[in-house]
Amino acid sequence: MTKFLIAALIVMGPAAAQTSEVQPKPSVTDREQVQADRAKAAAEERNAPTARPWDRDASGKRPWERSSVTK
């Protein structure tokens, strides 16, 4: 009797651990991924600040905003 109980516990243990089924997430197609990336880039472009510090020199002026050209 005890052998049957032990065997039943060993066999039923892994089956009892599988209580819920996980639904696989539907895969995103390449086209949908590209559309999402483009939408994200467009939103970032709209929200980007207009002041771009990387195109200014040490004095804070852009190269095309110089009032006098030095020779």
C-alpha atoms as a PDB file:
ATOM      1  CA  MET A   1       0.000   0.000   0.000  1.00  0.00           C
ATOM      2  CA  THR A   2       2.742   2.480   0.868  1.00  0.00           C
ATOM      3  CA  LYS A   3       4.604   1.632  -2.339  1.00  0.00           C
ATOM      4  CA  PHE A   4       1.491   2.528  -4.329  1.00  0.00           C
ATOM      5  CA  LEU A   5       1.132   5.831  -2.441  1.00  0.00           C
ATOM      6  CA  ILE A   6       4.782   6.769  -3.016  1.00  0.00           C
ATOM      7  CA  ALA A   7       4.553   5.856  -6.701  1.00  0.00           C
ATOM      8  CA  ALA A   8       1.373   7.904  -7.068  1.00  0.00           C
ATOM      9  CA  LEU A   9       3.022  10.940  -5.455  1.00  0.00           C
ATOM     10  CA  ILE A  10       6.057  10.648  -7.718  1.00  0.00           C
ATOM     11  CA  VAL A  11       3.917  10.350 -10.833  1.00  0.00           C
ATOM     12  CA  MET A  12       1.380  13.024  -9.891  1.00  0.00           C
ATOM     13  CA  GLY A  13       3.922  15.588  -8.636  1.00  0.00           C
ATOM     14  CA  PRO A  14       5.009  17.013 -12.008  1.00  0.00           C
ATOM     15  CA  ALA A  15       1.454  16.968 -13.334  1.00  0.00           C
ATOM     16  CA  ALA A  16       0.217  18.936 -10.321  1.00  0.00           C
ATOM     17  CA  ALA A  17       2.864  21.609 -10.909  1.00  0.00           C
ATOM     18  CA  GLN A  18       1.352  22.435 -14.307  1.00  0.00           C
ATOM     19  CA  THR A  19      -1.679  24.303 -13.029  1.00  0.00           C
ATOM     20  CA  SER A  20      -2.054  27.058 -15.610  1.00  0.00           C
ATOM     21  CA  GLU A  21      -1.310  27.303 -19.282  1.00  0.00           C
ATOM     22  CA  VAL A  22       0.666  30.318 -20.410  1.00  0.00           C
ATOM     23  CA  GLN A  23      -0.683  31.769 -23.627  1.00  0.00           C
ATOM     24  CA  PRO A  24       2.174  32.531 -26.022  1.00  0.00           C
ATOM     25  CA  LYS A  25       2.411  36.164 -27.009  1.00  0.00           C
ATOM     26  CA  PRO A  26       1.580  36.618 -30.687  1.00  0.00           C
ATOM     27  CA  SER A  27       4.724  37.392 -32.615  1.00  0.00           C
ATOM     28  CA  VAL A  28       5.091  40.811 -34.166  1.00  0.00           C
ATOM     29  CA  THR A  29       5.709  40.840 -37.884  1.00  0.00           C
ATOM     30  CA  ASP A  30       8.642  42.711 -39.374  1.00  0.00           C
ATOM     31  CA  ARG A  31       6.286  45.241 -40.955  1.00  0.00           C
ATOM     32  CA  GLU A  32       4.590  45.986 -37.626  1.00  0.00           C
ATOM     33  CA  GLN A  33       7.985  46.366 -35.933  1.00  0.00           C
ATOM     34  CA  VAL A  34       9.159  48.844 -38.590  1.00  0.00           C
ATOM     35  CA  GLN A  35       5.933  50.838 -38.265  1.00  0.00           C
ATOM     36  CA  ALA A  36       6.324  50.971 -34.480  1.00  0.00           C
ATOM     37  CA  ASP A  37       9.952  52.087 -34.775  1.00  0.00           C
ATOM     38  CA  ARG A  38       9.060  54.824 -37.261  1.00  0.00           C
ATOM     39  CA  ALA A  39       6.211  56.067 -35.077  1.00  0.00           C
ATOM     40  CA  LYS A  40       8.524  56.171 -32.066  1.00  0.00           C
ATOM     41  CA  ALA A  41      11.183  58.089 -34.023  1.00  0.00           C
ATOM     42  CA  ALA A  42       8.576  60.578 -35.278  1.00  0.00           C
ATOM     43  CA  ALA A  43       7.299  61.158 -31.746  1.00  0.00           C
ATOM     44  CA  GLU A  44      10.838  61.727 -30.481  1.00  0.00           C
ATOM     45  CA  GLU A  45      11.502  64.161 -33.326  1.00  0.00           C
ATOM     46  CA  ARG A  46       8.380  66.178 -32.477  1.00  0.00           C
ATOM     47  CA  ASN A  47       9.348  66.332 -28.803  1.00  0.00           C
ATOM     48  CA  ALA A  48      13.018  67.146 -29.431  1.00  0.00           C
ATOM     49  CA  PRO A  49      14.265  70.501 -28.203  1.00  0.00           C
ATOM     50  CA  THR A  50      15.052  73.087 -30.865  1.00  0.00           C
ATOM     51  CA  ALA A  51      18.296  74.168 -29.207  1.00  0.00           C
ATOM     52  CA  ARG A  52      20.989  71.751 -30.293  1.00  0.00           C
ATOM     53  CA  PRO A  53      24.170  72.357 -28.313  1.00  0.00           C
ATOM     54  CA  TRP A  54      26.305  70.109 -30.520  1.00  0.00           C
ATOM     55  CA  ASP A  55      26.164  72.462 -33.518  1.00  0.00           C
ATOM     56  CA  ARG A  56      27.505  75.485 -31.604  1.00  0.00           C
ATOM     57  CA  ASP A  57      31.055  76.595 -30.936  1.00  0.00           C
ATOM     58  CA  ALA A  58      32.561  77.687 -27.622  1.00  0.00           C
ATOM     59  CA  SER A  59      30.962  81.147 -27.819  1.00  0.00           C
ATOM     60  CA  GLY A  60      27.504  79.626 -28.272  1.00  0.00           C
ATOM     61  CA  LYS A  61      27.079  80.714 -31.895  1.00  0.00           C
ATOM     62  CA  ARG A  62      26.473  78.525 -34.883  1.00  0.00           C
ATOM     63  CA  PRO A  63      29.021  78.746 -37.696  1.00  0.00           C
ATOM     64  CA  TRP A  64      26.503  80.368 -40.059  1.00  0.00           C
ATOM     65  CA  GLU A  65      25.461  82.994 -37.472  1.00  0.00           C
ATOM     66  CA  ARG A  66      28.782  84.795 -37.400  1.00  0.00           C
ATOM     67  CA  SER A  67      28.465  88.540 -37.745  1.00  0.00           C
ATOM     68  CA  SER A  68      31.994  89.010 -39.056  1.00  0.00           C
ATOM     69  CA  VAL A  69      34.151  86.653 -41.018  1.00  0.00           C
ATOM     70  CA  THR A  70      37.760  86.473 -39.833  1.00  0.00           C
ATOM     71  CA  LYS A  71      40.513  86.161 -42.429  1.00  0.00           C
END
